[in-house]
Structures are given as C-alpha cells and as structure tokens.
Amino acid sequence: MSKLIFPVLLALILPLITSWFAYPLTHLPPEFGAFPPVYVADAPGFNLIIFCIIAFAELLIAAIYLFPDKFGFKKVTPEPTSIPVALPIWFWIGLVVTLFFWWLMWTRETPFGNLVYYAFTPMWWGFIFVLDGLVYRYSHKQSLFATKRKTFIITALVSLAGWYLFEYFNYFALGNWYYPNSTMPELSHETIVIIFLLAYTTVWPAIFEWYSLLNTCQSLVSRYAQGIKIFLSGNLLIALGLILITLMVFWPYPLFWVLWIGPLLVFAGILIRLSIWSPFSEIAQGNWSPALLMALSAMVNGFFWEFWNYGSAHPVTPVTNPNYWVYDIPYINVIHLFSEMPLLGYMGYMPFGILAWVIFIWAGKVFKFDTHLLSK
C-alpha cells in the first residue's frame, strides 16, 4: 500500500516545501488556498516561438489520429457492431434537463428565482445521462448507469476529489485558470463552495461516458489497436514527474504545461511499477486504443465545457454563473473561438483525460473498487 500512496504524498508535499524557498516572504504562492481559486497576476503575453512549437506538437498528434498507418499502426478488422436498441428513459429525462438548464444558464431568465445560479451542475448531469443513454443504445443495453451503477456513482466521488487535486496544483502554476464570478454578493461563500464541489462531481463521469461512447465505434477502436510497442519505466516516470512538479514552483510560467503532465507521470509511473493494468500496459502490447480514445474523449467533452462556459457569461451582464472560468495561460492565450480556452489549449484536455483515468485506477486499488469502465 505504501508503494501506491507514498509517491502521491511526495507530489503533494514537494510543492509546499519548494514554495518555502521560491517565496521567501510568504513561503506560499500568491492567493494560495483561496477557494474557489481567484485571479493571481497577468501571465506573460504571446510568444510566437513557443506558440509555433506547441502548434507543431499538436499537429503531430492530430496526424497520428488521422493517419495512423504513417506511424506504424497496422490495419485491424473491426469487431461486429451491436445492433442499436431503443433509447432508455434516462436519455430523454437527461435531454430535457440539459436543454432546460442550458437555456436557463445562457438566458439568465429570472422567473425561476435563484435557480439560475445553480444551473451548471444539473445541466452537466443531464448531459451525462444523455451520453449514457447513447452508450446504452449502441452497446446493446450496456452502460455505466445501466449495468455498472456502483462504478458510475464512484466516478462522481473520485471526480470531486480528483478535480480538487488539479485545483491544488493550479495554485503552484499561479492560476492557469480562475473563477471571476466566485465572489458574487448574491450568494454566501459557503453556498458558492457547495456549488463548486457539486460541479466537480461531473468531470470524470462526463469523460468516461464519452470514452464508453467512442468504444461503441469498432472501426475507431481497431484503428489504433496494433501499433508500436513502447515499454516505460515506472520509476523513471515517477522521478521525472516529481522533478517537474518541483521545478514548476520555481518557474510556473515556462513550466505551465507541467500542471497536466507532472501528475500524469507520477500516477502512471505508480501503476506501471506495480504492474497494475492501465492504458500504458496496453501501449506496451502495441494497443494504443485505450489511451488515444480516452484522450480524444476528454478533448471532445472539452468543446462542450468551453462552449457552455463561454455562453454563460457573454454578454457579460447579468452575471449568474458562479462556476464561470477564465484562462490566464502564458504565451499561447490567443485565438478564442466562442471560448475562453485559447485554440491551442484544447489539446491540454488530452493528457488530462488520461490523468483522470489513471487517478481513477489508482483510487480503485487504494479503496478496493471496480475500475472497469466497459461492460464487455
């Protein structure tokens, strides 16, 4: 058990120790512990060289998805696709809930009183049930809610703790994102904290539902099933992750990307070192489908996150969504298309999706629960 937990404790403690030296006056980053996280300071502005480097890397990743045969993936005959069944009742209920709270959050209609301030979370839970209903339809009545209900509930609990962990590392990155509406006078601080914690329960379930849905497309699953085998050292990943997280405290802006990569290396390294199944186990066998589809799931869901978030605050008045967030990402915070997320930032969702998964698998080993997302 100590081999599971100790590296994670180090990842949590090392930034605090490092902050003692990085911030000799306060010994903590500015605005550390403010919850929900608030604006810290303006990040460095646009840098063409860094923008081009990141853009090139993202184009390379896109090329792997679009032209896998050019990167060593072999063609695999897909398995037969399940015959679609009727959509379940929770799909239709979820659709009505999603549309109503989407309308409420964007129009800021007042006939429903203070309900408008709470629209974000029920909208997302409605959408999660919409996705689950689609999975049920195309997986022959198999889905997280239909056949793995305990796992479905646990994804929400892990999501709550997991996103707060991500917020914790964001303090040391000096706020790659923050919540400008989190101090609205209409709501008490205690109420806003509850609103945020409830919103956190939606992150993991939404990503996992997209992953389940993408896995109903057998041609997509087989597309990345036979690629290059890459064996990774768990100890090396843990060490590299801890070093990067530590260095991020000293240089938060040049190493802003560590917020996504550092924790991923630590959690993935733990699973690899202890021979626990993870998407990296499959990569070692040449099967890249789990990792690539989970990364794609997070990015696809990210478009909905960003689109709905943007519409909840534009036009600016009146302000009714306390969950609304803004990005302060250094060097690349340009090209916003109906989104607070800069264009190049969307691919940051990809490592985050895999991070969410390895955290879930890690938590399953610590707390002894089933982490299999697919019913078959």
Protein backbone atom coordinates (compact mmCIF):
# COMPACT_ATOMS: atom_id res chain seq x y z
CA MET A 1 0.00 0.00 0.00
CA SER A 2 2.86 2.38 0.77
CA LYS A 3 4.15 1.98 -2.79
CA LEU A 4 0.76 3.18 -4.01
CA ILE A 5 0.46 6.16 -1.70
CA PHE A 6 3.98 7.44 -0.98
CA PRO A 7 4.75 8.92 -4.45
CA VAL A 8 1.39 10.72 -4.40
CA LEU A 9 2.16 12.18 -0.98
CA LEU A 10 5.51 13.35 -2.32
CA ALA A 11 3.75 15.01 -5.28
CA LEU A 12 1.54 16.88 -2.80
CA ILE A 13 4.22 17.80 -0.26
CA LEU A 14 7.14 18.72 -2.51
CA PRO A 15 5.45 21.86 -3.94
CA LEU A 16 4.80 23.09 -0.40
CA ILE A 17 8.42 22.51 0.62
CA THR A 18 9.69 24.12 -2.56
CA SER A 19 7.44 27.15 -2.03
CA TRP A 20 9.29 27.88 1.21
CA PHE A 21 12.34 28.74 -0.90
CA ALA A 22 10.59 30.04 -4.03
CA TYR A 23 8.59 32.60 -2.00
CA PRO A 24 10.91 33.67 0.84
CA LEU A 25 8.50 36.30 2.22
CA THR A 26 5.21 34.39 2.28
CA HIS A 27 6.51 30.82 1.78
CA LEU A 28 3.45 30.12 -0.34
CA PRO A 29 2.34 31.17 -3.84
CA PRO A 30 0.12 34.28 -4.02
CA GLU A 31 -3.57 33.54 -3.35
CA PHE A 32 -2.71 30.02 -2.26
CA GLY A 33 -5.70 28.32 -0.67
CA ALA A 34 -8.29 30.84 -1.88
CA PHE A 35 -11.27 28.73 -2.81
CA PRO A 36 -12.62 28.90 -5.41
CA PRO A 37 -9.30 29.98 -6.97
CA VAL A 38 -9.13 33.66 -7.89
CA TYR A 39 -7.07 35.82 -10.22
CA VAL A 40 -3.37 35.96 -9.26
CA ALA A 41 -1.45 38.08 -11.79
CA ASP A 42 -1.18 38.58 -15.52
CA ALA A 43 0.74 35.73 -17.13
CA PRO A 44 3.41 36.52 -19.75
CA GLY A 45 1.93 37.55 -23.08
CA PHE A 46 2.02 35.97 -26.50
CA ASN A 47 5.28 34.34 -27.63
CA LEU A 48 5.42 33.34 -31.29
CA ILE A 49 8.23 30.80 -30.88
CA ILE A 50 6.50 28.92 -28.06
CA PHE A 51 3.19 29.14 -29.92
CA CYS A 52 4.74 27.58 -33.03
CA ILE A 53 6.48 24.80 -31.06
CA ILE A 54 3.24 23.82 -29.32
CA ALA A 55 1.26 24.13 -32.56
CA PHE A 56 3.72 21.81 -34.31
CA ALA A 57 3.45 19.24 -31.50
CA GLU A 58 -0.34 19.37 -31.67
CA LEU A 59 -0.36 18.96 -35.44
CA LEU A 60 1.83 15.89 -34.99
CA ILE A 61 -0.66 14.42 -32.51
CA ALA A 62 -3.52 15.19 -34.89
CA ALA A 63 -1.62 13.42 -37.67
CA ILE A 64 -1.38 10.27 -35.55
CA TYR A 65 -5.16 10.23 -35.19
CA LEU A 66 -5.81 10.98 -38.85
CA PHE A 67 -3.07 8.90 -40.50
CA PRO A 68 -2.19 6.09 -38.06
CA ASP A 69 -0.67 3.93 -40.82
CA LYS A 70 2.05 6.55 -41.26
CA PHE A 71 3.10 5.97 -37.65
CA GLY A 72 3.38 2.19 -37.66
CA PHE A 73 -0.24 1.22 -36.93
CA LYS A 74 -1.47 -1.86 -38.77
CA LYS A 75 -4.95 -2.28 -40.13
CA VAL A 76 -7.16 -4.48 -37.95
CA THR A 77 -10.53 -5.91 -38.91
CA PRO A 78 -13.07 -4.34 -36.54
CA GLU A 79 -15.39 -6.48 -34.46
CA PRO A 80 -19.06 -6.60 -35.44
CA THR A 81 -21.07 -3.62 -34.22
CA SER A 82 -24.00 -4.19 -31.87
CA ILE A 83 -27.48 -3.65 -33.28
CA PRO A 84 -28.85 -0.39 -31.81
CA VAL A 85 -31.66 -0.68 -29.28
CA ALA A 86 -34.26 1.87 -28.22
CA LEU A 87 -33.01 4.84 -26.24
CA PRO A 88 -33.66 4.41 -22.49
CA ILE A 89 -35.89 6.68 -20.43
CA TRP A 90 -32.95 8.37 -18.70
CA PHE A 91 -31.71 9.63 -22.09
CA TRP A 92 -34.92 11.59 -22.59
CA ILE A 93 -35.02 12.84 -19.00
CA GLY A 94 -31.37 13.88 -19.30
CA LEU A 95 -32.07 15.65 -22.59
CA VAL A 96 -34.93 17.69 -21.08
CA VAL A 97 -32.81 18.57 -18.01
CA THR A 98 -29.84 19.55 -20.19
CA LEU A 99 -31.85 21.76 -22.51
CA PHE A 100 -33.74 23.48 -19.70
CA PHE A 101 -30.69 24.34 -17.62
CA TRP A 102 -28.68 25.27 -20.72
CA TRP A 103 -31.43 27.72 -21.63
CA LEU A 104 -31.57 29.00 -18.05
CA MET A 105 -27.79 29.44 -17.73
CA TRP A 106 -27.46 31.30 -21.04
CA THR A 107 -30.58 33.48 -20.93
CA ARG A 108 -30.39 34.28 -17.19
CA GLU A 109 -34.17 34.14 -17.01
CA THR A 110 -35.46 35.17 -13.58
CA PRO A 111 -38.96 33.57 -13.28
CA PHE A 112 -37.25 30.63 -11.57
CA GLY A 113 -35.65 32.80 -8.89
CA ASN A 114 -32.24 31.78 -7.61
CA LEU A 115 -32.31 28.52 -9.57
CA VAL A 116 -30.29 30.22 -12.30
CA TYR A 117 -27.24 30.31 -10.01
CA TYR A 118 -27.31 26.52 -9.72
CA ALA A 119 -27.81 25.70 -13.40
CA PHE A 120 -24.30 24.43 -14.22
CA THR A 121 -24.30 21.14 -12.32
CA PRO A 122 -27.78 19.83 -13.24
CA MET A 123 -27.13 20.77 -16.87
CA TRP A 124 -24.00 18.64 -16.86
CA TRP A 125 -25.60 15.73 -15.05
CA GLY A 126 -28.40 15.83 -17.59
CA PHE A 127 -25.80 15.70 -20.36
CA ILE A 128 -24.03 12.78 -18.66
CA PHE A 129 -27.30 10.82 -18.74
CA VAL A 130 -27.76 11.76 -22.39
CA LEU A 131 -24.35 10.30 -23.18
CA ASP A 132 -25.05 7.22 -21.08
CA GLY A 133 -28.30 6.69 -22.95
CA LEU A 134 -26.43 6.78 -26.27
CA VAL A 135 -23.91 4.26 -24.93
CA TYR A 136 -26.82 2.03 -23.86
CA ARG A 137 -28.34 2.26 -27.35
CA TYR A 138 -25.16 1.33 -29.21
CA SER A 139 -23.73 -1.18 -26.69
CA HIS A 140 -26.77 -3.49 -26.64
CA LYS A 141 -28.12 -2.25 -23.30
CA GLN A 142 -24.70 -1.98 -21.66
CA SER A 143 -23.64 1.28 -20.00
CA LEU A 144 -22.21 2.64 -16.76
CA PHE A 145 -25.61 3.64 -15.41
CA ALA A 146 -27.46 0.56 -16.69
CA THR A 147 -25.04 -2.23 -15.82
CA LYS A 148 -22.26 -0.75 -13.66
CA ARG A 149 -24.19 1.58 -11.42
CA LYS A 150 -21.83 1.34 -8.43
CA THR A 151 -18.89 2.24 -10.64
CA PHE A 152 -20.97 5.08 -12.10
CA ILE A 153 -21.54 6.56 -8.63
CA ILE A 154 -17.89 6.12 -7.67
CA THR A 155 -16.75 8.04 -10.76
CA ALA A 156 -18.58 11.08 -9.36
CA LEU A 157 -16.90 10.73 -5.95
CA VAL A 158 -13.45 10.32 -7.48
CA SER A 159 -14.21 13.28 -9.73
CA LEU A 160 -14.90 15.52 -6.74
CA ALA A 161 -11.57 14.67 -5.08
CA GLY A 162 -9.66 14.43 -8.36
CA TRP A 163 -10.60 17.86 -9.67
CA TYR A 164 -9.76 19.45 -6.33
CA LEU A 165 -6.34 17.81 -6.63
CA PHE A 166 -5.99 19.51 -10.00
CA GLU A 167 -7.01 22.84 -8.46
CA TYR A 168 -4.31 22.29 -5.81
CA PHE A 169 -1.56 22.04 -8.42
CA ASN A 170 -3.00 25.07 -10.20
CA TYR A 171 -2.10 27.22 -7.17
CA PHE A 172 1.57 26.49 -7.83
CA ALA A 173 1.16 27.26 -11.55
CA LEU A 174 -0.09 30.72 -10.48
CA GLY A 175 -3.55 30.20 -11.88
CA ASN A 176 -3.73 28.83 -15.39
CA TRP A 177 -7.44 29.39 -14.82
CA TYR A 178 -9.56 31.16 -12.21
CA TYR A 179 -13.21 31.92 -11.41
CA PRO A 180 -14.01 35.65 -11.62
CA ASN A 181 -17.65 35.18 -10.51
CA SER A 182 -16.88 33.15 -7.42
CA THR A 183 -17.36 36.14 -5.10
CA MET A 184 -20.75 37.33 -6.34
CA PRO A 185 -22.53 39.12 -3.45
CA GLU A 186 -25.88 37.39 -4.05
CA LEU A 187 -24.51 34.12 -2.69
CA SER A 188 -22.70 33.38 0.56
CA HIS A 189 -19.21 31.95 0.40
CA GLU A 190 -20.46 28.71 1.93
CA THR A 191 -23.08 28.40 -0.81
CA ILE A 192 -20.53 29.02 -3.54
CA VAL A 193 -18.20 26.37 -2.08
CA ILE A 194 -21.04 23.83 -2.17
CA ILE A 195 -21.91 24.84 -5.75
CA PHE A 196 -18.30 24.26 -6.81
CA LEU A 197 -17.92 20.93 -5.04
CA LEU A 198 -21.11 19.65 -6.66
CA ALA A 199 -19.84 20.82 -10.06
CA TYR A 200 -16.63 18.86 -9.52
CA THR A 201 -18.62 15.61 -9.46
CA THR A 202 -19.38 15.93 -13.18
CA VAL A 203 -15.86 15.93 -14.65
CA TRP A 204 -14.82 12.26 -14.53
CA PRO A 205 -18.29 10.84 -15.39
CA ALA A 206 -18.57 13.03 -18.49
CA ILE A 207 -15.15 11.98 -19.82
CA PHE A 208 -15.79 8.31 -19.08
CA GLU A 209 -19.17 8.40 -20.81
CA TRP A 210 -17.54 9.81 -23.94
CA TYR A 211 -14.93 7.06 -23.74
CA SER A 212 -17.67 4.43 -23.49
CA LEU A 213 -19.46 6.01 -26.44
CA LEU A 214 -16.34 6.10 -28.64
CA ASN A 215 -15.77 2.43 -27.84
CA THR A 216 -19.12 1.59 -29.48
CA CYS A 217 -17.49 2.50 -32.80
CA GLN A 218 -15.49 -0.65 -33.51
CA SER A 219 -13.76 0.80 -36.56
CA LEU A 220 -12.35 3.53 -34.34
CA VAL A 221 -11.25 1.05 -31.67
CA SER A 222 -9.46 -1.17 -34.18
CA ARG A 223 -7.81 1.81 -35.87
CA TYR A 224 -5.21 2.14 -33.10
CA ALA A 225 -5.16 -1.45 -31.80
CA GLN A 226 -1.87 -2.58 -33.36
CA GLY A 227 0.87 -0.01 -33.13
CA ILE A 228 4.42 0.31 -31.92
CA LYS A 229 5.11 -1.31 -28.56
CA ILE A 230 6.61 1.13 -26.05
CA PHE A 231 7.77 -0.02 -22.64
CA LEU A 232 8.02 2.68 -19.98
CA SER A 233 9.87 2.60 -16.68
CA GLY A 234 7.58 3.32 -13.75
CA ASN A 235 10.41 4.52 -11.53
CA LEU A 236 11.65 6.88 -14.24
CA LEU A 237 8.18 8.36 -14.78
CA ILE A 238 7.66 8.91 -11.05
CA ALA A 239 11.04 10.59 -10.66
CA LEU A 240 10.53 12.77 -13.74
CA GLY A 241 7.04 13.76 -12.62
CA LEU A 242 8.20 14.74 -9.13
CA ILE A 243 11.12 16.74 -10.53
CA LEU A 244 8.89 18.62 -12.96
CA ILE A 245 6.29 19.41 -10.27
CA THR A 246 9.06 20.74 -8.03
CA LEU A 247 10.59 22.88 -10.78
CA MET A 248 7.15 24.25 -11.70
CA VAL A 249 7.06 26.02 -8.33
CA PHE A 250 10.21 27.98 -9.23
CA TRP A 251 9.30 28.61 -12.86
CA PRO A 252 5.48 28.46 -13.06
CA TYR A 253 5.15 30.27 -16.37
CA PRO A 254 7.76 28.47 -18.53
CA LEU A 255 6.59 25.18 -16.99
CA PHE A 256 2.84 25.90 -17.09
CA TRP A 257 2.33 22.63 -19.02
CA VAL A 258 3.63 20.60 -16.08
CA LEU A 259 0.24 21.06 -14.44
CA TRP A 260 -1.09 18.50 -16.94
CA ILE A 261 1.99 16.31 -17.39
CA GLY A 262 3.67 16.10 -13.96
CA PRO A 263 0.84 14.42 -12.02
CA LEU A 264 0.17 12.14 -15.01
CA LEU A 265 3.75 10.87 -14.92
CA VAL A 266 3.54 10.18 -11.18
CA PHE A 267 0.24 8.29 -11.25
CA ALA A 268 1.10 6.39 -14.43
CA GLY A 269 4.51 5.52 -13.03
CA ILE A 270 2.97 4.04 -9.88
CA LEU A 271 0.67 1.79 -11.91
CA ILE A 272 3.46 0.67 -14.23
CA ARG A 273 5.88 -0.03 -11.36
CA LEU A 274 3.31 -2.17 -9.53
CA SER A 275 2.19 -3.97 -12.72
CA ILE A 276 -1.36 -2.64 -12.38
CA TRP A 277 -3.34 -2.53 -15.60
CA SER A 278 -3.53 0.91 -17.19
CA PRO A 279 -3.67 2.30 -20.73
CA PHE A 280 0.13 2.23 -20.62
CA SER A 281 0.01 -1.54 -20.14
CA GLU A 282 -1.84 -1.72 -23.43
CA ILE A 283 0.69 0.56 -25.13
CA ALA A 284 3.39 -1.90 -24.06
CA GLN A 285 1.43 -4.53 -26.03
CA GLY A 286 1.02 -2.23 -29.02
CA ASN A 287 -2.62 -1.37 -28.31
CA TRP A 288 -2.91 2.42 -28.26
CA SER A 289 -6.70 2.50 -28.48
CA PRO A 290 -7.47 2.93 -24.75
CA ALA A 291 -5.05 5.85 -24.32
CA LEU A 292 -5.88 7.60 -27.59
CA LEU A 293 -9.64 7.22 -27.19
CA MET A 294 -9.61 8.45 -23.60
CA ALA A 295 -7.53 11.47 -24.65
CA LEU A 296 -9.94 12.13 -27.51
CA SER A 297 -12.91 11.74 -25.14
CA ALA A 298 -11.61 14.48 -22.87
CA MET A 299 -10.94 16.85 -25.76
CA VAL A 300 -14.37 16.29 -27.34
CA ASN A 301 -16.02 16.89 -23.99
CA GLY A 302 -13.82 19.95 -23.60
CA PHE A 303 -15.57 21.63 -26.52
CA PHE A 304 -18.85 21.34 -24.63
CA TRP A 305 -17.26 22.58 -21.40
CA GLU A 306 -15.83 25.62 -23.11
CA PHE A 307 -18.82 26.39 -25.34
CA TRP A 308 -21.34 26.27 -22.48
CA ASN A 309 -19.00 28.15 -20.17
CA TYR A 310 -18.49 30.96 -22.70
CA GLY A 311 -22.21 31.37 -23.32
CA SER A 312 -22.92 31.64 -19.62
CA ALA A 313 -21.09 34.98 -19.43
CA HIS A 314 -21.47 36.56 -22.88
CA PRO A 315 -22.93 39.10 -23.00
CA VAL A 316 -21.34 39.95 -19.68
CA THR A 317 -24.40 41.12 -17.75
CA PRO A 318 -26.15 39.95 -15.73
CA VAL A 319 -23.65 37.62 -14.05
CA THR A 320 -25.41 34.48 -12.82
CA ASN A 321 -22.97 31.57 -13.23
CA PRO A 322 -20.56 31.33 -10.29
CA ASN A 323 -18.81 28.38 -11.98
CA TYR A 324 -17.72 30.50 -14.96
CA TRP A 325 -13.95 30.31 -15.51
CA VAL A 326 -11.32 32.30 -17.42
CA TYR A 327 -7.85 31.21 -18.55
CA ASP A 328 -4.60 33.00 -17.89
CA ILE A 329 -2.28 30.66 -19.80
CA PRO A 330 1.14 32.14 -20.63
CA TYR A 331 2.50 32.54 -24.18
CA ILE A 332 -0.43 30.99 -26.13
CA ASN A 333 -3.53 32.71 -24.76
CA VAL A 334 -4.73 33.83 -28.21
CA ILE A 335 -7.35 32.81 -30.81
CA HIS A 336 -10.56 32.38 -28.82
CA LEU A 337 -13.46 30.97 -30.85
CA PHE A 338 -16.60 31.30 -28.72
CA SER A 339 -14.48 30.08 -25.86
CA GLU A 340 -12.32 31.34 -23.03
CA MET A 341 -9.94 28.50 -23.89
CA PRO A 342 -7.27 29.53 -26.41
CA LEU A 343 -7.26 27.39 -29.55
CA LEU A 344 -4.03 25.53 -28.71
CA GLY A 345 -5.25 24.91 -25.19
CA TYR A 346 -7.86 22.36 -26.23
CA MET A 347 -5.27 19.62 -26.60
CA GLY A 348 -4.40 20.14 -22.95
CA TYR A 349 -7.56 18.15 -22.34
CA MET A 350 -5.93 15.09 -23.88
CA PRO A 351 -3.32 14.34 -21.18
CA PHE A 352 -5.90 15.42 -18.62
CA GLY A 353 -8.26 12.69 -19.83
CA ILE A 354 -5.60 10.04 -19.36
CA LEU A 355 -4.66 11.58 -16.00
CA ALA A 356 -8.30 11.32 -14.87
CA TRP A 357 -8.28 7.65 -15.83
CA VAL A 358 -5.03 6.69 -14.07
CA ILE A 359 -6.19 8.55 -10.94
CA PHE A 360 -9.40 6.53 -11.07
CA ILE A 361 -7.48 3.25 -11.47
CA TRP A 362 -5.10 4.25 -8.67
CA ALA A 363 -8.02 5.11 -6.37
CA GLY A 364 -9.60 1.75 -7.21
CA LYS A 365 -6.52 -0.06 -5.95
CA VAL A 366 -6.32 2.06 -2.80
CA PHE A 367 -10.03 1.81 -1.91
CA LYS A 368 -10.73 -1.61 -3.48
CA PHE A 369 -13.43 -0.85 -6.04
CA ASP A 370 -14.02 -1.94 -9.63
CA THR A 371 -12.47 0.43 -12.17
CA HIS A 372 -13.54 -1.26 -15.41
CA LEU A 373 -15.49 1.25 -17.46
CA LEU A 374 -16.69 -1.02 -20.26
CA SER A 375 -19.20 -3.75 -19.53
CA LYS A 376 -17.84 -6.24 -22.01
